[in-house]
C-alpha atoms as a PDB file:
ATOM      1  CA  MET A   1      51.285 -50.719  11.979  1.00  0.00           C
ATOM      2  CA  ARG A   2      49.852 -50.479   8.502  1.00  0.00           C
ATOM      3  CA  ARG A   3      46.485 -51.780   9.786  1.00  0.00           C
ATOM      4  CA  ASN A   4      46.253 -49.024  12.350  1.00  0.00           C
ATOM      5  CA  LYS A   5      46.638 -46.304   9.672  1.00  0.00           C
ATOM      6  CA  LYS A   6      43.567 -47.740   7.748  1.00  0.00           C
ATOM      7  CA  VAL A   7      41.466 -47.775  10.878  1.00  0.00           C
ATOM      8  CA  PHE A   8      42.639 -44.268  11.798  1.00  0.00           C
ATOM      9  CA  GLY A   9      41.904 -43.032   8.271  1.00  0.00           C
ATOM     10  CA  PHE A  10      38.416 -44.591   8.356  1.00  0.00           C
ATOM     11  CA  ALA A  11      37.693 -42.853  11.693  1.00  0.00           C
ATOM     12  CA  LEU A  12      38.739 -39.512  10.120  1.00  0.00           C
ATOM     13  CA  TYR A  13      36.149 -40.086   7.360  1.00  0.00           C
ATOM     14  CA  GLU A  14      33.495 -40.900   9.911  1.00  0.00           C
ATOM     15  CA  VAL A  15      34.210 -37.679  11.767  1.00  0.00           C
ATOM     16  CA  LEU A  16      34.050 -35.633   8.628  1.00  0.00           C
ATOM     17  CA  LEU A  17      30.861 -37.229   7.545  1.00  0.00           C
ATOM     18  CA  GLY A  18      29.328 -36.637  11.008  1.00  0.00           C
ATOM     19  CA  LEU A  19      30.559 -33.018  11.021  1.00  0.00           C
ATOM     20  CA  THR A  20      28.983 -32.514   7.538  1.00  0.00           C
ATOM     21  CA  ILE A  21      25.692 -33.840   8.659  1.00  0.00           C
ATOM     22  CA  PHE A  22      25.779 -31.630  11.773  1.00  0.00           C
ATOM     23  CA  VAL A  23      26.605 -28.558   9.719  1.00  0.00           C
ATOM     24  CA  VAL A  24      23.652 -29.297   7.331  1.00  0.00           C
ATOM     25  CA  GLY A  25      21.365 -29.818  10.215  1.00  0.00           C
ATOM     26  CA  VAL A  26      22.379 -26.510  11.893  1.00  0.00           C
ATOM     27  CA  LEU A  27      21.839 -24.627   8.490  1.00  0.00           C
ATOM     28  CA  ALA A  28      18.436 -26.203   8.094  1.00  0.00           C
ATOM     29  CA  LEU A  29      17.459 -25.261  11.720  1.00  0.00           C
ATOM     30  CA  GLY A  30      18.654 -21.675  11.154  1.00  0.00           C
ATOM     31  CA  ARG A  31      16.591 -21.440   8.056  1.00  0.00           C
ATOM     32  CA  ALA A  32      13.527 -22.826   9.876  1.00  0.00           C
ATOM     33  CA  VAL A  33      14.021 -20.227  12.683  1.00  0.00           C
ATOM     34  CA  GLU A  34      14.276 -17.421  10.095  1.00  0.00           C
ATOM     35  CA  ASN A  35      11.092 -18.547   8.462  1.00  0.00           C
ATOM     36  CA  CYS A  36       9.311 -18.587  11.829  1.00  0.00           C
ATOM     37  CA  LEU A  37      10.511 -15.042  12.603  1.00  0.00           C
ATOM     38  CA  ASN A  38       9.300 -13.819   9.224  1.00  0.00           C
ATOM     39  CA  ALA A  39       5.927 -15.410   9.766  1.00  0.00           C
ATOM     40  CA  SER A  40       5.656 -13.892  13.165  1.00  0.00           C
ATOM     41  CA  GLU A  41       6.491 -10.414  11.850  1.00  0.00           C
ATOM     42  CA  LEU A  42       3.909 -10.754   9.052  1.00  0.00           C
ATOM     43  CA  SER A  43       1.278 -11.851  11.509  1.00  0.00           C
ATOM     44  CA  GLU A  44       2.027  -8.849  13.756  1.00  0.00           C
ATOM     45  CA  GLU A  45       1.833  -6.471  10.814  1.00  0.00           C
ATOM     46  CA  GLU A  46      -1.535  -7.896   9.839  1.00  0.00           C
ATOM     47  CA  ASN A  47      -2.808  -7.759  13.425  1.00  0.00           C
ATOM     48  CA  ARG A  48      -1.831  -4.003  13.555  1.00  0.00           C
ATOM     49  CA  VAL A  49      -3.762  -3.383  10.338  1.00  0.00           C
ATOM     50  CA  ARG A  50      -6.802  -5.148  11.648  1.00  0.00           C
ATOM     51  CA  GLN A  51      -6.601  -3.173  14.840  1.00  0.00           C
ATOM     52  CA  LEU A  52      -6.410   0.117  12.842  1.00  0.00           C
ATOM     53  CA  LEU A  53      -9.546  -0.905  10.921  1.00  0.00           C
ATOM     54  CA  SER A  54     -11.425  -1.936  14.088  1.00  0.00           C
ATOM     55  CA  ASN A  55     -10.498   1.230  16.003  1.00  0.00           C
ATOM     56  CA  ARG A  56     -11.699   3.394  13.087  1.00  0.00           C
ATOM     57  CA  MET A  57     -14.965   1.461  12.846  1.00  0.00           C
ATOM     58  CA  THR A  58     -15.592   1.847  16.569  1.00  0.00           C
ATOM     59  CA  GLU A  59     -14.809   5.482  16.311  1.00  0.00           C
ATOM     60  CA  LEU A  60     -17.273   6.013  13.465  1.00  0.00           C
ATOM     61  CA  GLN A  61     -20.023   4.037  15.287  1.00  0.00           C
ATOM     62  CA  ALA A  62     -19.532   5.965  18.485  1.00  0.00           C
ATOM     63  CA  THR A  63     -19.649   9.506  16.990  1.00  0.00           C
ATOM     64  CA  PRO A  64     -23.172  10.991  16.578  1.00  0.00           C
ATOM     65  CA  GLN A  65     -22.431  12.668  13.258  1.00  0.00           C
ATOM     66  CA  THR A  66     -22.886  10.906   9.898  1.00  0.00           C
ATOM     67  CA  PRO A  67     -19.556   9.622   8.607  1.00  0.00           C
ATOM     68  CA  ASP A  68     -17.561  11.807   6.060  1.00  0.00           C
ATOM     69  CA  ALA A  69     -18.179  10.903   2.389  1.00  0.00           C
ATOM     70  CA  SER A  70     -14.469  10.526   1.820  1.00  0.00           C
ATOM     71  CA  LYS A  71     -11.445  10.766   4.081  1.00  0.00           C
ATOM     72  CA  GLU A  72      -7.884   9.515   4.003  1.00  0.00           C
ATOM     73  CA  ASP A  73      -5.288   9.261   6.827  1.00  0.00           C
ATOM     74  CA  LYS A  74      -1.642   8.102   6.845  1.00  0.00           C
ATOM     75  CA  ILE A  75      -0.758   6.248   9.984  1.00  0.00           C
ATOM     76  CA  ASN A  76       2.742   5.075  10.987  1.00  0.00           C
ATOM     77  CA  THR A  77       2.391   1.608  12.568  1.00  0.00           C
ATOM     78  CA  GLY A  78       6.094   0.937  13.184  1.00  0.00           C
ATOM     79  CA  TYR A  79       6.078  -1.483  10.194  1.00  0.00           C
ATOM     80  CA  GLY A  80       5.652   1.296   7.843  1.00  0.00           C
ATOM     81  CA  VAL A  81       2.948   3.822   6.829  1.00  0.00           C
ATOM     82  CA  VAL A  82      -0.616   2.538   6.336  1.00  0.00           C
ATOM     83  CA  ARG A  83      -3.040   4.610   4.292  1.00  0.00           C
ATOM     84  CA  LEU A  84      -6.518   4.398   5.806  1.00  0.00           C
ATOM     85  CA  ILE A  85      -9.149   5.322   3.200  1.00  0.00           C
ATOM     86  CA  GLN A  86     -12.771   5.853   4.260  1.00  0.00           C
ATOM     87  CA  LYS A  87     -15.619   6.135   1.777  1.00  0.00           C
ATOM     88  CA  SER A  88     -19.278   6.277   2.784  1.00  0.00           C
ATOM     89  CA  GLN A  89     -22.529   6.552   1.017  1.00  0.00           C
ATOM     90  CA  PRO A  90     -26.177   6.641   2.053  1.00  0.00           C
ATOM     91  CA  LYS A  91     -28.009   3.316   1.712  1.00  0.00           C
ATOM     92  CA  GLU A  92     -31.650   2.648   1.824  1.00  0.00           C
ATOM     93  CA  LEU A  93     -32.201  -0.944   2.970  1.00  0.00           C
ATOM     94  CA  GLN A  94     -35.343  -3.059   3.087  1.00  0.00           C
ATOM     95  CA  ASN A  95     -36.356  -4.895   6.320  1.00  0.00           C
ATOM     96  CA  ASP A  96     -38.371  -8.192   6.401  1.00  0.00           C
ATOM     97  CA  ASP A  97     -41.697  -6.368   5.906  1.00  0.00           C
ATOM     98  CA  ASP A  98     -40.365  -4.668   2.653  1.00  0.00           C
ATOM     99  CA  THR A  99     -40.237  -1.298   4.587  1.00  0.00           C
ATOM    100  CA  THR A 100     -37.450   1.011   3.479  1.00  0.00           C
ATOM    101  CA  VAL A 101     -35.251   2.017   6.354  1.00  0.00           C
ATOM    102  CA  GLY A 102     -33.506   5.370   6.025  1.00  0.00           C
ATOM    103  CA  GLY A 103     -30.650   6.974   7.943  1.00  0.00           C
ATOM    104  CA  ILE A 104     -28.240   4.174   7.060  1.00  0.00           C
ATOM    105  CA  THR A 105     -24.778   4.823   5.778  1.00  0.00           C
ATOM    106  CA  GLN A 106     -22.571   2.134   4.214  1.00  0.00           C
ATOM    107  CA  VAL A 107     -18.891   2.837   5.198  1.00  0.00           C
ATOM    108  CA  THR A 108     -15.943   1.164   3.470  1.00  0.00           C
ATOM    109  CA  LEU A 109     -12.587   1.331   5.173  1.00  0.00           C
ATOM    110  CA  THR A 110      -9.587   0.327   3.207  1.00  0.00           C
ATOM    111  CA  ALA A 111      -6.114  -0.105   4.619  1.00  0.00           C
ATOM    112  CA  GLN A 112      -3.194   0.058   2.089  1.00  0.00           C
ATOM    113  CA  TRP A 113       0.386  -0.606   2.880  1.00  0.00           C
ATOM    114  CA  SER A 114       3.615  -1.873   1.187  1.00  0.00           C
ATOM    115  CA  ARG A 115       5.373  -5.079   2.071  1.00  0.00           C
ATOM    116  CA  GLY A 116       8.534  -5.919   0.128  1.00  0.00           C
ATOM    117  CA  GLY A 117       7.530  -3.445  -2.622  1.00  0.00           C
ATOM    118  CA  VAL A 118       4.138  -5.049  -3.169  1.00  0.00           C
ATOM    119  CA  THR A 119       0.921  -3.116  -2.276  1.00  0.00           C
ATOM    120  CA  GLN A 120      -1.205  -5.003   0.333  1.00  0.00           C
ATOM    121  CA  ASN A 121      -4.700  -4.066   1.322  1.00  0.00           C
ATOM    122  CA  LYS A 122      -7.442  -5.062   3.609  1.00  0.00           C
ATOM    123  CA  GLN A 123     -11.112  -3.860   3.530  1.00  0.00           C
ATOM    124  CA  LEU A 124     -13.845  -3.526   5.990  1.00  0.00           C
ATOM    125  CA  VAL A 125     -17.502  -2.759   5.064  1.00  0.00           C
ATOM    126  CA  PHE A 126     -20.095  -1.925   7.639  1.00  0.00           C
ATOM    127  CA  TYR A 127     -23.231   0.133   8.276  1.00  0.00           C
ATOM    128  CA  VAL A 128     -23.871   3.030  10.497  1.00  0.00           C
ATOM    129  CA  TYR A 129     -27.377   4.110  11.510  1.00  0.00           C
ATOM    130  CA  ARG A 130     -28.265   7.654  12.471  1.00  0.00           C
ATOM    131  CA  ALA A 131     -31.887   8.527  13.085  1.00  0.00           C
ATOM    132  CA  GLY A 132     -32.572  11.738  11.176  1.00  0.00           C
END
């Protein structure tokens, strides 16, 4: 009878050890899933900002007027407000023949937003040509 108690006690330790390993594994798996969800959210936020910049660039390239020298918009993306800052200035560029080409405007678009209290930004620089 004494021998059975030792065997039964040893089985209890095995069960507790197995349960502990299982709990640690479940907690680690939960943490990994949380990290994946955070990374997915950050990626979606960055994609929305890229899409905002791309849309504004397309809009400026499609309009026949010269872009405004300075402009700022606040856009709610669902992840927070993004400030879209536009600055443009005339540029005279040289082609391969050293001929100066006029009617070119350099446009700088900057998107600024806050993530976790830290200011983030992305910038896009491109040229718009308007024959004058």
